[in-house]
C-alpha atoms as a PDB file:
ATOM      1  CA  MET A   1      38.590 114.854  12.538  1.00  0.00           C
ATOM      2  CA  GLY A   2      39.553 114.134   8.949  1.00  0.00           C
ATOM      3  CA  LYS A   3      37.707 114.836   5.709  1.00  0.00           C
ATOM      4  CA  LEU A   4      33.970 114.086   5.527  1.00  0.00           C
ATOM      5  CA  GLY A   5      33.807 114.345   9.310  1.00  0.00           C
ATOM      6  CA  LEU A   6      35.514 110.969   9.882  1.00  0.00           C
ATOM      7  CA  PRO A   7      37.890 110.351  12.777  1.00  0.00           C
ATOM      8  CA  ALA A   8      41.563 110.783  11.903  1.00  0.00           C
ATOM      9  CA  GLY A   9      43.087 107.665  10.376  1.00  0.00           C
ATOM     10  CA  ILE A  10      39.780 106.277   9.040  1.00  0.00           C
ATOM     11  CA  ARG A  11      39.273 106.480   5.282  1.00  0.00           C
ATOM     12  CA  TYR A  12      35.881 106.771   3.577  1.00  0.00           C
ATOM     13  CA  ASP A  13      36.676 103.763   1.345  1.00  0.00           C
ATOM     14  CA  ASP A  14      37.398 101.641   4.416  1.00  0.00           C
ATOM     15  CA  MET A  15      34.033 102.522   5.936  1.00  0.00           C
ATOM     16  CA  ARG A  16      32.260 101.759   2.672  1.00  0.00           C
ATOM     17  CA  ARG A  17      33.968  98.372   2.447  1.00  0.00           C
ATOM     18  CA  THR A  18      33.071  97.550   6.066  1.00  0.00           C
ATOM     19  CA  ALA A  19      29.427  98.413   5.430  1.00  0.00           C
ATOM     20  CA  ARG A  20      29.412  96.391   2.194  1.00  0.00           C
ATOM     21  CA  VAL A  21      30.984  93.338   3.852  1.00  0.00           C
ATOM     22  CA  LEU A  22      28.362  93.354   6.617  1.00  0.00           C
ATOM     23  CA  GLU A  23      25.581  93.707   4.041  1.00  0.00           C
ATOM     24  CA  ILE A  24      26.991  90.798   2.021  1.00  0.00           C
ATOM     25  CA  VAL A  25      26.980  88.653   5.172  1.00  0.00           C
ATOM     26  CA  GLN A  26      23.325  89.540   5.736  1.00  0.00           C
ATOM     27  CA  ASP A  27      22.402  88.905   2.082  1.00  0.00           C
ATOM     28  CA  ILE A  28      23.961  85.431   2.085  1.00  0.00           C
ATOM     29  CA  ALA A  29      22.481  84.548   5.482  1.00  0.00           C
ATOM     30  CA  ARG A  30      18.994  85.581   4.319  1.00  0.00           C
ATOM     31  CA  ALA A  31      19.157  83.830   0.938  1.00  0.00           C
ATOM     32  CA  PRO A  32      21.612  80.900   0.951  1.00  0.00           C
ATOM     33  CA  ARG A  33      22.931  79.859  -2.483  1.00  0.00           C
ATOM     34  CA  ARG A  34      21.177  82.744  -4.230  1.00  0.00           C
ATOM     35  CA  TRP A  35      24.304  84.900  -4.529  1.00  0.00           C
ATOM     36  CA  ARG A  36      27.345  84.336  -6.738  1.00  0.00           C
ATOM     37  CA  ARG A  37      30.378  86.567  -7.151  1.00  0.00           C
ATOM     38  CA  LYS A  38      28.955  88.081 -10.341  1.00  0.00           C
ATOM     39  CA  THR A  39      25.520  88.836  -8.889  1.00  0.00           C
ATOM     40  CA  LEU A  40      27.084  90.373  -5.770  1.00  0.00           C
ATOM     41  CA  ALA A  41      29.250  92.592  -7.975  1.00  0.00           C
ATOM     42  CA  GLU A  42      26.154  93.723  -9.879  1.00  0.00           C
ATOM     43  CA  ARG A  43      24.228  94.386  -6.670  1.00  0.00           C
ATOM     44  CA  TYR A  44      26.949  96.539  -5.109  1.00  0.00           C
ATOM     45  CA  GLU A  45      28.133  98.049  -8.401  1.00  0.00           C
ATOM     46  CA  VAL A  46      31.776  97.041  -7.958  1.00  0.00           C
ATOM     47  CA  CYS A  47      34.072  94.709  -9.892  1.00  0.00           C
ATOM     48  CA  GLU A  48      34.258  90.976  -9.169  1.00  0.00           C
ATOM     49  CA  ARG A  49      37.831  91.356  -7.889  1.00  0.00           C
ATOM     50  CA  MET A  50      36.531  93.703  -5.192  1.00  0.00           C
ATOM     51  CA  ILE A  51      33.854  91.187  -4.207  1.00  0.00           C
ATOM     52  CA  GLN A  52      36.505  88.455  -4.100  1.00  0.00           C
ATOM     53  CA  LYS A  53      38.457  90.541  -1.569  1.00  0.00           C
ATOM     54  CA  ASP A  54      35.276  91.071   0.468  1.00  0.00           C
ATOM     55  CA  LEU A  55      34.656  87.328   0.535  1.00  0.00           C
ATOM     56  CA  TYR A  56      38.256  86.799   1.682  1.00  0.00           C
ATOM     57  CA  ILE A  57      37.620  89.188   4.596  1.00  0.00           C
ATOM     58  CA  ILE A  58      34.466  87.276   5.518  1.00  0.00           C
ATOM     59  CA  ARG A  59      36.290  83.930   5.499  1.00  0.00           C
ATOM     60  CA  GLU A  60      39.723  84.779   6.871  1.00  0.00           C
ATOM     61  CA  ARG A  61      39.265  87.853   9.047  1.00  0.00           C
ATOM     62  CA  LEU A  62      35.717  87.452  10.330  1.00  0.00           C
ATOM     63  CA  ARG A  63      36.242  83.674  10.496  1.00  0.00           C
ATOM     64  CA  LEU A  64      32.730  82.966   9.205  1.00  0.00           C
ATOM     65  CA  PRO A  65      32.010  79.503   7.688  1.00  0.00           C
ATOM     66  CA  LEU A  66      31.355  80.757   4.153  1.00  0.00           C
ATOM     67  CA  ARG A  67      31.022  78.005   1.537  1.00  0.00           C
ATOM     68  CA  ASN A  68      30.220  77.727  -2.172  1.00  0.00           C
ATOM     69  CA  ASP A  69      28.906  74.463  -3.646  1.00  0.00           C
ATOM     70  CA  GLY A  70      28.718  75.732  -7.219  1.00  0.00           C
ATOM     71  CA  GLU A  71      25.161  77.013  -6.925  1.00  0.00           C
ATOM     72  CA  GLY A  72      26.023  79.991  -4.742  1.00  0.00           C
ATOM     73  CA  TYR A  73      27.411  81.127  -1.405  1.00  0.00           C
ATOM     74  CA  TYR A  74      26.027  79.977   1.935  1.00  0.00           C
ATOM     75  CA  PHE A  75      27.067  79.658   5.580  1.00  0.00           C
ATOM     76  CA  GLU A  76      27.455  76.250   7.216  1.00  0.00           C
ATOM     77  CA  ARG A  77      25.853  77.820  10.273  1.00  0.00           C
ATOM     78  CA  VAL A  78      24.098  81.162  10.642  1.00  0.00           C
ATOM     79  CA  PRO A  79      26.689  83.721  11.749  1.00  0.00           C
ATOM     80  CA  GLN A  80      26.191  85.732  14.917  1.00  0.00           C
ATOM     81  CA  LEU A  81      26.737  89.363  14.062  1.00  0.00           C
ATOM     82  CA  PRO A  82      27.812  92.003  16.599  1.00  0.00           C
ATOM     83  CA  THR A  83      24.987  93.385  18.728  1.00  0.00           C
ATOM     84  CA  VAL A  84      23.329  96.622  17.701  1.00  0.00           C
ATOM     85  CA  SER A  85      21.440  99.293  19.577  1.00  0.00           C
ATOM     86  CA  TYR A  86      18.099 100.841  18.658  1.00  0.00           C
ATOM     87  CA  SER A  87      16.896 104.411  18.680  1.00  0.00           C
ATOM     88  CA  PHE A  88      13.666 105.177  20.528  1.00  0.00           C
ATOM     89  CA  SER A  89      11.589 105.098  17.315  1.00  0.00           C
ATOM     90  CA  GLU A  90      13.237 101.864  16.117  1.00  0.00           C
ATOM     91  CA  ALA A  91      12.669 100.150  19.453  1.00  0.00           C
ATOM     92  CA  LEU A  92       9.060 101.340  19.494  1.00  0.00           C
ATOM     93  CA  ALA A  93       8.524  99.891  16.011  1.00  0.00           C
ATOM     94  CA  LEU A  94       9.999  96.577  17.158  1.00  0.00           C
ATOM     95  CA  LEU A  95       7.789  96.471  20.250  1.00  0.00           C
ATOM     96  CA  LEU A  96       4.693  97.202  18.165  1.00  0.00           C
ATOM     97  CA  ALA A  97       5.665  94.406  15.772  1.00  0.00           C
ATOM     98  CA  ILE A  98       5.989  92.003  18.698  1.00  0.00           C
ATOM     99  CA  ARG A  99       2.600  93.108  19.979  1.00  0.00           C
ATOM    100  CA  ALA A 100       1.120  92.431  16.541  1.00  0.00           C
ATOM    101  CA  ALA A 101       2.767  89.001  16.545  1.00  0.00           C
ATOM    102  CA  GLN A 102       0.716  88.098  19.612  1.00  0.00           C
ATOM    103  CA  SER A 103      -2.393  87.952  17.430  1.00  0.00           C
ATOM    104  CA  ILE A 104      -0.810  85.540  14.936  1.00  0.00           C
ATOM    105  CA  PRO A 105      -1.494  81.905  15.852  1.00  0.00           C
ATOM    106  CA  GLY A 106       1.616  79.798  15.523  1.00  0.00           C
ATOM    107  CA  ILE A 107       4.073  82.068  17.287  1.00  0.00           C
ATOM    108  CA  GLY A 108       4.437  80.757  20.819  1.00  0.00           C
ATOM    109  CA  SER A 109       4.105  83.265  23.639  1.00  0.00           C
ATOM    110  CA  SER A 110       7.086  81.692  25.398  1.00  0.00           C
ATOM    111  CA  ASP A 111       9.189  82.173  22.250  1.00  0.00           C
ATOM    112  CA  LEU A 112       8.152  85.815  22.042  1.00  0.00           C
ATOM    113  CA  ALA A 113       8.915  86.332  25.715  1.00  0.00           C
ATOM    114  CA  ALA A 114      12.361  84.773  25.297  1.00  0.00           C
ATOM    115  CA  ALA A 115      13.047  86.949  22.254  1.00  0.00           C
ATOM    116  CA  VAL A 116      12.096  90.119  24.117  1.00  0.00           C
ATOM    117  CA  ALA A 117      14.243  89.092  27.077  1.00  0.00           C
ATOM    118  CA  LYS A 118      17.285  88.714  24.800  1.00  0.00           C
ATOM    119  CA  LEU A 119      16.562  92.037  23.130  1.00  0.00           C
ATOM    120  CA  GLU A 120      16.164  93.844  26.436  1.00  0.00           C
ATOM    121  CA  SER A 121      19.783  94.960  26.546  1.00  0.00           C
ATOM    122  CA  LEU A 122      19.440  96.565  23.115  1.00  0.00           C
ATOM    123  CA  PHE A 123      16.584  98.898  24.060  1.00  0.00           C
ATOM    124  CA  PRO A 124      17.260 102.457  25.204  1.00  0.00           C
ATOM    125  CA  GLU A 125      16.888 103.121  28.929  1.00  0.00           C
ATOM    126  CA  GLU A 126      13.515 104.863  28.568  1.00  0.00           C
ATOM    127  CA  PHE A 127      11.968 101.527  27.567  1.00  0.00           C
ATOM    128  CA  GLY A 128      12.825  99.877  30.872  1.00  0.00           C
ATOM    129  CA  PRO A 129       9.400 100.411  32.544  1.00  0.00           C
ATOM    130  CA  PHE A 130       7.504  98.986  29.554  1.00  0.00           C
ATOM    131  CA  LEU A 131       9.311  95.658  29.128  1.00  0.00           C
ATOM    132  CA  PRO A 132       7.881  93.844  32.203  1.00  0.00           C
ATOM    133  CA  LYS A 133       4.343  94.718  31.080  1.00  0.00           C
ATOM    134  CA  LEU A 134       5.097  93.394  27.615  1.00  0.00           C
ATOM    135  CA  LEU A 135       6.495  90.123  28.959  1.00  0.00           C
ATOM    136  CA  ASN A 136       3.549  89.607  31.321  1.00  0.00           C
ATOM    137  CA  GLY A 137       1.129  90.025  28.435  1.00  0.00           C
ATOM    138  CA  LEU A 138       2.960  87.512  26.285  1.00  0.00           C
ATOM    139  CA  LEU A 139       3.004  84.679  28.791  1.00  0.00           C
ATOM    140  CA  SER A 140      -0.754  84.096  28.700  1.00  0.00           C
ATOM    141  CA  PHE A 141      -1.117  83.720  24.911  1.00  0.00           C
ATOM    142  CA  PRO A 142      -2.069  80.172  23.836  1.00  0.00           C
ATOM    143  CA  ALA A 143      -0.262  78.514  20.953  1.00  0.00           C
ATOM    144  CA  SER A 144      -0.452  75.369  18.854  1.00  0.00           C
ATOM    145  CA  THR A 145       2.606  73.245  19.605  1.00  0.00           C
ATOM    146  CA  HIS A 146       2.222  71.283  16.360  1.00  0.00           C
ATOM    147  CA  ARG A 147       1.917  74.423  14.253  1.00  0.00           C
ATOM    148  CA  GLN A 148       4.971  75.939  15.932  1.00  0.00           C
ATOM    149  CA  GLY A 149       6.995  72.806  15.224  1.00  0.00           C
ATOM    150  CA  VAL A 150       5.963  72.696  11.567  1.00  0.00           C
ATOM    151  CA  LEU A 151       6.737  76.401  11.104  1.00  0.00           C
ATOM    152  CA  ALA A 152      10.137  76.020  12.752  1.00  0.00           C
ATOM    153  CA  GLN A 153      11.101  73.123  10.467  1.00  0.00           C
ATOM    154  CA  LEU A 154       9.890  74.849   7.314  1.00  0.00           C
ATOM    155  CA  TYR A 155      11.738  78.046   8.194  1.00  0.00           C
ATOM    156  CA  ARG A 156      14.901  76.012   8.757  1.00  0.00           C
ATOM    157  CA  ALA A 157      14.454  74.511   5.298  1.00  0.00           C
ATOM    158  CA  LEU A 158      13.821  77.924   3.719  1.00  0.00           C
ATOM    159  CA  LEU A 159      16.713  79.710   5.432  1.00  0.00           C
ATOM    160  CA  GLY A 160      19.074  76.789   4.859  1.00  0.00           C
ATOM    161  CA  GLY A 161      18.089  76.359   1.218  1.00  0.00           C
ATOM    162  CA  LYS A 162      17.136  72.699   1.765  1.00  0.00           C
ATOM    163  CA  ARG A 163      14.206  70.814   0.252  1.00  0.00           C
ATOM    164  CA  ALA A 164      11.674  69.280   2.613  1.00  0.00           C
ATOM    165  CA  LYS A 165       9.491  66.195   2.526  1.00  0.00           C
ATOM    166  CA  ILE A 166       6.036  66.819   3.970  1.00  0.00           C
ATOM    167  CA  VAL A 167       2.927  64.767   4.648  1.00  0.00           C
ATOM    168  CA  TYR A 168       0.062  66.976   3.472  1.00  0.00           C
ATOM    169  CA  ILE A 169      -3.695  66.541   3.885  1.00  0.00           C
ATOM    170  CA  SER A 170      -5.418  67.436   0.623  1.00  0.00           C
ATOM    171  CA  GLY A 171      -8.232  69.954   0.973  1.00  0.00           C
ATOM    172  CA  GLU A 172     -10.233  68.081  -1.678  1.00  0.00           C
ATOM    173  CA  SER A 173      -9.811  64.414  -0.757  1.00  0.00           C
ATOM    174  CA  GLY A 174      -8.900  64.796   2.912  1.00  0.00           C
ATOM    175  CA  LYS A 175      -6.250  62.098   2.448  1.00  0.00           C
ATOM    176  CA  PRO A 176      -2.576  62.424   3.487  1.00  0.00           C
ATOM    177  CA  ARG A 177       0.062  62.344   0.775  1.00  0.00           C
ATOM    178  CA  LYS A 178       3.846  62.725   0.776  1.00  0.00           C
ATOM    179  CA  ARG A 179       5.276  65.611  -1.209  1.00  0.00           C
ATOM    180  CA  LYS A 180       8.730  67.042  -1.781  1.00  0.00           C
ATOM    181  CA  VAL A 181       8.700  70.840  -1.677  1.00  0.00           C
ATOM    182  CA  GLU A 182      11.024  73.821  -2.039  1.00  0.00           C
ATOM    183  CA  PRO A 183       9.725  76.619   0.236  1.00  0.00           C
ATOM    184  CA  TYR A 184       9.632  80.058  -1.407  1.00  0.00           C
ATOM    185  CA  ALA A 185       7.676  82.050   1.197  1.00  0.00           C
ATOM    186  CA  ILE A 186       5.924  81.478   4.546  1.00  0.00           C
ATOM    187  CA  PHE A 187       3.451  84.014   5.901  1.00  0.00           C
ATOM    188  CA  PRO A 188       0.443  84.419   8.227  1.00  0.00           C
ATOM    189  CA  TYR A 189      -2.988  84.718   6.615  1.00  0.00           C
ATOM    190  CA  VAL A 190      -6.190  85.422   8.563  1.00  0.00           C
ATOM    191  CA  ARG A 191      -6.013  82.954  11.503  1.00  0.00           C
ATOM    192  CA  SER A 192      -3.559  80.530   9.966  1.00  0.00           C
ATOM    193  CA  TRP A 193      -0.268  80.309   8.075  1.00  0.00           C
ATOM    194  CA  GLN A 194       0.483  79.574   4.436  1.00  0.00           C
ATOM    195  CA  MET A 195       3.528  78.364   2.531  1.00  0.00           C
ATOM    196  CA  VAL A 196       4.206  79.033  -1.137  1.00  0.00           C
ATOM    197  CA  ALA A 197       6.527  76.330  -2.439  1.00  0.00           C
ATOM    198  CA  TYR A 198       7.519  74.461  -5.569  1.00  0.00           C
ATOM    199  CA  CYS A 199       5.820  71.055  -5.403  1.00  0.00           C
ATOM    200  CA  HIS A 200       7.712  68.209  -7.105  1.00  0.00           C
ATOM    201  CA  LEU A 201       4.564  66.063  -7.174  1.00  0.00           C
ATOM    202  CA  ARG A 202       2.600  68.647  -9.185  1.00  0.00           C
ATOM    203  CA  GLY A 203       5.576  70.149 -11.005  1.00  0.00           C
ATOM    204  CA  GLU A 204       4.539  73.718 -10.204  1.00  0.00           C
ATOM    205  CA  VAL A 205       4.438  76.357  -7.471  1.00  0.00           C
ATOM    206  CA  ARG A 206       1.580  75.701  -5.036  1.00  0.00           C
ATOM    207  CA  THR A 207       0.148  77.213  -1.850  1.00  0.00           C
ATOM    208  CA  PHE A 208       0.008  74.962   1.220  1.00  0.00           C
ATOM    209  CA  LYS A 209      -1.937  75.564   4.421  1.00  0.00           C
ATOM    210  CA  ILE A 210       0.418  74.966   7.344  1.00  0.00           C
ATOM    211  CA  ASP A 211      -2.260  73.328   9.514  1.00  0.00           C
ATOM    212  CA  ARG A 212      -2.690  70.571   6.903  1.00  0.00           C
ATOM    213  CA  ILE A 213       0.976  69.590   7.120  1.00  0.00           C
ATOM    214  CA  ARG A 214       1.271  66.608   9.446  1.00  0.00           C
ATOM    215  CA  GLU A 215       5.013  65.863   9.170  1.00  0.00           C
ATOM    216  CA  VAL A 216       8.127  67.699   7.975  1.00  0.00           C
ATOM    217  CA  GLU A 217      11.517  66.200   7.167  1.00  0.00           C
ATOM    218  CA  ILE A 218      14.362  68.430   6.010  1.00  0.00           C
ATOM    219  CA  LEU A 219      16.312  66.768   3.190  1.00  0.00           C
ATOM    220  CA  ASP A 220      19.990  67.138   2.387  1.00  0.00           C
ATOM    221  CA  GLU A 221      19.085  68.462  -1.054  1.00  0.00           C
ATOM    222  CA  PRO A 222      19.930  72.112  -1.791  1.00  0.00           C
ATOM    223  CA  TYR A 223      17.699  74.364  -3.855  1.00  0.00           C
ATOM    224  CA  VAL A 224      17.581  78.037  -4.765  1.00  0.00           C
ATOM    225  CA  VAL A 225      14.542  80.308  -4.677  1.00  0.00           C
ATOM    226  CA  PRO A 226      14.283  81.802  -8.192  1.00  0.00           C
ATOM    227  CA  PRO A 227      15.688  85.362  -8.079  1.00  0.00           C
ATOM    228  CA  ASP A 228      12.650  86.650  -9.967  1.00  0.00           C
ATOM    229  CA  PHE A 229      10.097  85.097  -7.595  1.00  0.00           C
ATOM    230  CA  ASP A 230       7.804  87.749  -6.135  1.00  0.00           C
ATOM    231  CA  LEU A 231       5.046  86.827  -3.679  1.00  0.00           C
ATOM    232  CA  ASP A 232       2.750  89.693  -4.684  1.00  0.00           C
ATOM    233  CA  GLY A 233       3.207  88.809  -8.333  1.00  0.00           C
ATOM    234  CA  TYR A 234       2.474  85.150  -7.618  1.00  0.00           C
ATOM    235  CA  LEU A 235      -0.746  85.935  -5.745  1.00  0.00           C
ATOM    236  CA  GLY A 236      -1.737  88.308  -8.540  1.00  0.00           C
ATOM    237  CA  ASP A 237      -5.010  90.236  -8.599  1.00  0.00           C
ATOM    238  CA  SER A 238      -7.199  87.498  -7.143  1.00  0.00           C
ATOM    239  CA  TRP A 239      -8.967  87.936  -3.814  1.00  0.00           C
ATOM    240  CA  GLY A 240      -7.299  85.859  -1.118  1.00  0.00           C
ATOM    241  CA  LEU A 241      -5.198  82.789  -1.815  1.00  0.00           C
ATOM    242  CA  MET A 242      -7.490  80.669  -4.018  1.00  0.00           C
ATOM    243  CA  ARG A 243      -5.655  81.579  -7.236  1.00  0.00           C
ATOM    244  CA  GLY A 244      -6.800  78.500  -9.125  1.00  0.00           C
ATOM    245  CA  ALA A 245     -10.461  79.285  -8.462  1.00  0.00           C
ATOM    246  CA  ALA A 246     -10.253  82.919  -9.576  1.00  0.00           C
ATOM    247  CA  GLY A 247     -11.596  84.217 -12.847  1.00  0.00           C
ATOM    248  CA  GLU A 248     -10.029  86.989 -14.902  1.00  0.00           C
ATOM    249  CA  PRO A 249      -9.712  90.302 -13.024  1.00  0.00           C
ATOM    250  CA  GLU A 250     -12.836  92.427 -13.411  1.00  0.00           C
ATOM    251  CA  GLU A 251     -14.450  95.534 -11.953  1.00  0.00           C
ATOM    252  CA  VAL A 252     -16.451  94.976  -8.768  1.00  0.00           C
ATOM    253  CA  GLU A 253     -18.667  97.578  -7.074  1.00  0.00           C
ATOM    254  CA  LEU A 254     -20.299  97.071  -3.677  1.00  0.00           C
ATOM    255  CA  LEU A 255     -22.560  99.519  -1.846  1.00  0.00           C
ATOM    256  CA  PHE A 256     -22.418  99.231   1.952  1.00  0.00           C
ATOM    257  CA  ASP A 257     -24.911 100.846   4.318  1.00  0.00           C
ATOM    258  CA  PRO A 258     -23.534 103.627   6.589  1.00  0.00           C
ATOM    259  CA  VAL A 259     -22.725 101.562   9.702  1.00  0.00           C
ATOM    260  CA  VAL A 260     -21.034  98.640   7.967  1.00  0.00           C
ATOM    261  CA  GLY A 261     -19.506 100.997   5.417  1.00  0.00           C
ATOM    262  CA  ARG A 262     -17.542 102.765   8.140  1.00  0.00           C
ATOM    263  CA  TRP A 263     -16.109  99.454   9.350  1.00  0.00           C
ATOM    264  CA  VAL A 264     -15.221  98.298   5.848  1.00  0.00           C
ATOM    265  CA  SER A 265     -13.575 101.615   4.965  1.00  0.00           C
ATOM    266  CA  GLU A 266     -11.235 101.363   7.962  1.00  0.00           C
ATOM    267  CA  GLU A 267      -9.490  98.258   6.589  1.00  0.00           C
ATOM    268  CA  HIS A 268      -7.158  97.585   3.678  1.00  0.00           C
ATOM    269  CA  TRP A 269      -8.705  94.641   1.832  1.00  0.00           C
ATOM    270  CA  HIS A 270      -6.959  94.634  -1.536  1.00  0.00           C
ATOM    271  CA  LYS A 271      -4.351  96.691  -3.361  1.00  0.00           C
ATOM    272  CA  SER A 272      -6.932  97.775  -5.965  1.00  0.00           C
ATOM    273  CA  GLN A 273      -9.593  99.047  -3.559  1.00  0.00           C
ATOM    274  CA  GLU A 274     -11.224 102.460  -3.907  1.00  0.00           C
ATOM    275  CA  MET A 275     -13.609 103.995  -1.366  1.00  0.00           C
ATOM    276  CA  VAL A 276     -16.279 106.542  -2.301  1.00  0.00           C
ATOM    277  CA  PHE A 277     -18.140 108.136   0.633  1.00  0.00           C
ATOM    278  CA  LEU A 278     -21.669 109.155  -0.348  1.00  0.00           C
ATOM    279  CA  ALA A 279     -23.789 111.968   1.095  1.00  0.00           C
ATOM    280  CA  ASP A 280     -26.169 109.617   2.952  1.00  0.00           C
ATOM    281  CA  GLY A 281     -23.254 107.967   4.780  1.00  0.00           C
ATOM    282  CA  SER A 282     -23.148 104.814   2.667  1.00  0.00           C
ATOM    283  CA  VAL A 283     -19.840 103.718   1.151  1.00  0.00           C
ATOM    284  CA  LEU A 284     -19.220 102.593  -2.420  1.00  0.00           C
ATOM    285  CA  VAL A 285     -16.296 100.163  -2.533  1.00  0.00           C
ATOM    286  CA  LYS A 286     -14.600  99.342  -5.829  1.00  0.00           C
ATOM    287  CA  PHE A 287     -12.162  96.509  -6.579  1.00  0.00           C
ATOM    288  CA  HIS A 288     -10.376  95.201  -9.660  1.00  0.00           C
ATOM    289  CA  ILE A 289      -9.975  91.530  -8.766  1.00  0.00           C
ATOM    290  CA  GLY A 290     -10.231  87.951  -9.865  1.00  0.00           C
ATOM    291  CA  ILE A 291     -13.314  86.827  -7.931  1.00  0.00           C
ATOM    292  CA  THR A 292     -12.850  83.704  -5.801  1.00  0.00           C
ATOM    293  CA  PRO A 293     -15.237  81.676  -3.596  1.00  0.00           C
ATOM    294  CA  GLU A 294     -13.484  83.377  -0.676  1.00  0.00           C
ATOM    295  CA  PHE A 295     -14.631  86.778  -1.963  1.00  0.00           C
ATOM    296  CA  VAL A 296     -18.215  85.576  -2.432  1.00  0.00           C
ATOM    297  CA  HIS A 297     -18.243  84.364   1.189  1.00  0.00           C
ATOM    298  CA  TRP A 298     -16.891  87.735   2.300  1.00  0.00           C
ATOM    299  CA  VAL A 299     -19.744  89.554   0.557  1.00  0.00           C
ATOM    300  CA  LEU A 300     -22.347  87.133   1.952  1.00  0.00           C
ATOM    301  CA  TYR A 301     -21.068  87.789   5.476  1.00  0.00           C
ATOM    302  CA  TYR A 302     -22.537  91.323   5.370  1.00  0.00           C
ATOM    303  CA  GLY A 303     -26.001  90.065   4.427  1.00  0.00           C
ATOM    304  CA  SER A 304     -28.553  92.774   3.649  1.00  0.00           C
ATOM    305  CA  GLN A 305     -26.109  95.535   4.570  1.00  0.00           C
ATOM    306  CA  VAL A 306     -24.359  95.348   1.202  1.00  0.00           C
ATOM    307  CA  ARG A 307     -25.625  95.459  -2.388  1.00  0.00           C
ATOM    308  CA  VAL A 308     -23.667  94.144  -5.349  1.00  0.00           C
ATOM    309  CA  LEU A 309     -23.736  96.657  -8.211  1.00  0.00           C
ATOM    310  CA  LYS A 310     -21.126  95.054 -10.481  1.00  0.00           C
ATOM    311  CA  PRO A 311     -20.660  92.564 -12.058  1.00  0.00           C
ATOM    312  CA  LYS A 312     -24.149  91.317 -12.861  1.00  0.00           C
ATOM    313  CA  TRP A 313     -23.276  87.630 -12.481  1.00  0.00           C
ATOM    314  CA  LEU A 314     -21.947  88.224  -8.959  1.00  0.00           C
ATOM    315  CA  LYS A 315     -25.130  90.094  -8.042  1.00  0.00           C
ATOM    316  CA  GLU A 316     -27.179  87.097  -9.216  1.00  0.00           C
ATOM    317  CA  LYS A 317     -24.848  84.655  -7.437  1.00  0.00           C
ATOM    318  CA  VAL A 318     -25.178  86.463  -4.091  1.00  0.00           C
ATOM    319  CA  ALA A 319     -28.967  86.746  -4.470  1.00  0.00           C
ATOM    320  CA  GLU A 320     -29.210  83.013  -5.192  1.00  0.00           C
ATOM    321  CA  GLU A 321     -27.121  82.161  -2.119  1.00  0.00           C
ATOM    322  CA  HIS A 322     -29.394  84.321   0.045  1.00  0.00           C
ATOM    323  CA  ARG A 323     -32.485  82.571  -1.381  1.00  0.00           C
ATOM    324  CA  ARG A 324     -30.992  79.156  -0.647  1.00  0.00           C
ATOM    325  CA  ALA A 325     -30.147  80.212   2.907  1.00  0.00           C
ATOM    326  CA  ALA A 326     -33.729  81.430   3.415  1.00  0.00           C
ATOM    327  CA  GLU A 327     -35.122  78.152   2.055  1.00  0.00           C
ATOM    328  CA  MET A 328     -32.887  76.163   4.402  1.00  0.00           C
ATOM    329  CA  GLY A 329     -34.163  78.284   7.269  1.00  0.00           C
ATOM    330  CA  ASP A 330     -37.777  77.559   6.292  1.00  0.00           C
ATOM    331  CA  ILE A 331     -37.081  73.810   6.103  1.00  0.00           C
ATOM    332  CA  THR A 332     -35.433  73.847   9.533  1.00  0.00           C
ATOM    333  CA  GLN A 333     -38.364  75.765  11.032  1.00  0.00           C
ATOM    334  CA  LYS A 334     -40.915  73.342   9.549  1.00  0.00           C
ATOM    335  CA  GLU A 335     -38.971  70.365  10.936  1.00  0.00           C
ATOM    336  CA  LYS A 336     -38.969  71.949  14.399  1.00  0.00           C
ATOM    337  CA  CYS A 337     -42.738  72.536  14.209  1.00  0.00           C
ATOM    338  CA  ARG A 338     -43.355  68.965  13.054  1.00  0.00           C
ATOM    339  CA  LYS A 339     -41.266  67.538  15.894  1.00  0.00           C
ATOM    340  CA  GLY A 340     -43.098  69.783  18.347  1.00  0.00           C
ATOM    341  CA  ARG A 341     -46.486  68.382  17.308  1.00  0.00           C
ATOM    342  CA  SER A 342     -45.373  64.739  17.428  1.00  0.00           C
END
């Protein structure tokens, strides 16, 4: 063994370069056209000449189809990197993630099963008995073929750095309209999927519900996700995804009765949440949020088992909604009685 515990003949600088080259390949594959020689040098804290040598290794020695169209580096096709093996804890984390993916509509069970089958050789031997059970569970999960197709196309556009033309059903008018978009992020939300993208029609970043997208066409028009784009920052302090309907962030206090309070306290609802457990078993929940219609509906869901303490206008809003619901119930009951007498 040589210095630093390395095998004889292997230098520390060589190992560092190998690790850096592999990381550069992953960076470019994940974010096509985002990286230039200068930004790579800044990221890895080396000179641009060193990065130029790394890029030469990627092109000439690894034989990867690395290109640069002036906007940044990208691969003509996604490179296949050497296989890796997982430790027990890493494999367990991956299996748990796959299990969680089962509950996300839009990911086909057959796709998950195929993915696990390909990963089987990478798991340590002690995982052998668990894999058949995992595969059997995946095969029975229903999926939306249309949603899967839309997600696949949009992910291709995002990973390839290509704009897409979509036919989108407006939530307000219910009418289809063509839009050109630049996908920034795609993620599951509640029982659906959402895409944050720059919309050329509106001239700003918008959120699109995947299930309202009827058609997707990938265009031969490159784009770059802004380096400073941050999904959490974009969503801000509002509750849910209805950013445009949110007011300024304000303090919210809700008092839940003991039974419901236990359920609510077990979940992470918002990054600002605070839980205060009171002596009688009730739970005081505090948020600092921009209140949206989605949040009002969430509060109404718990009915009489929650009281709004702050802000005053929200307390009045929830009380008014409960009164209207009661009045609608009275009207329905009277109509039933009238029909019964006729």
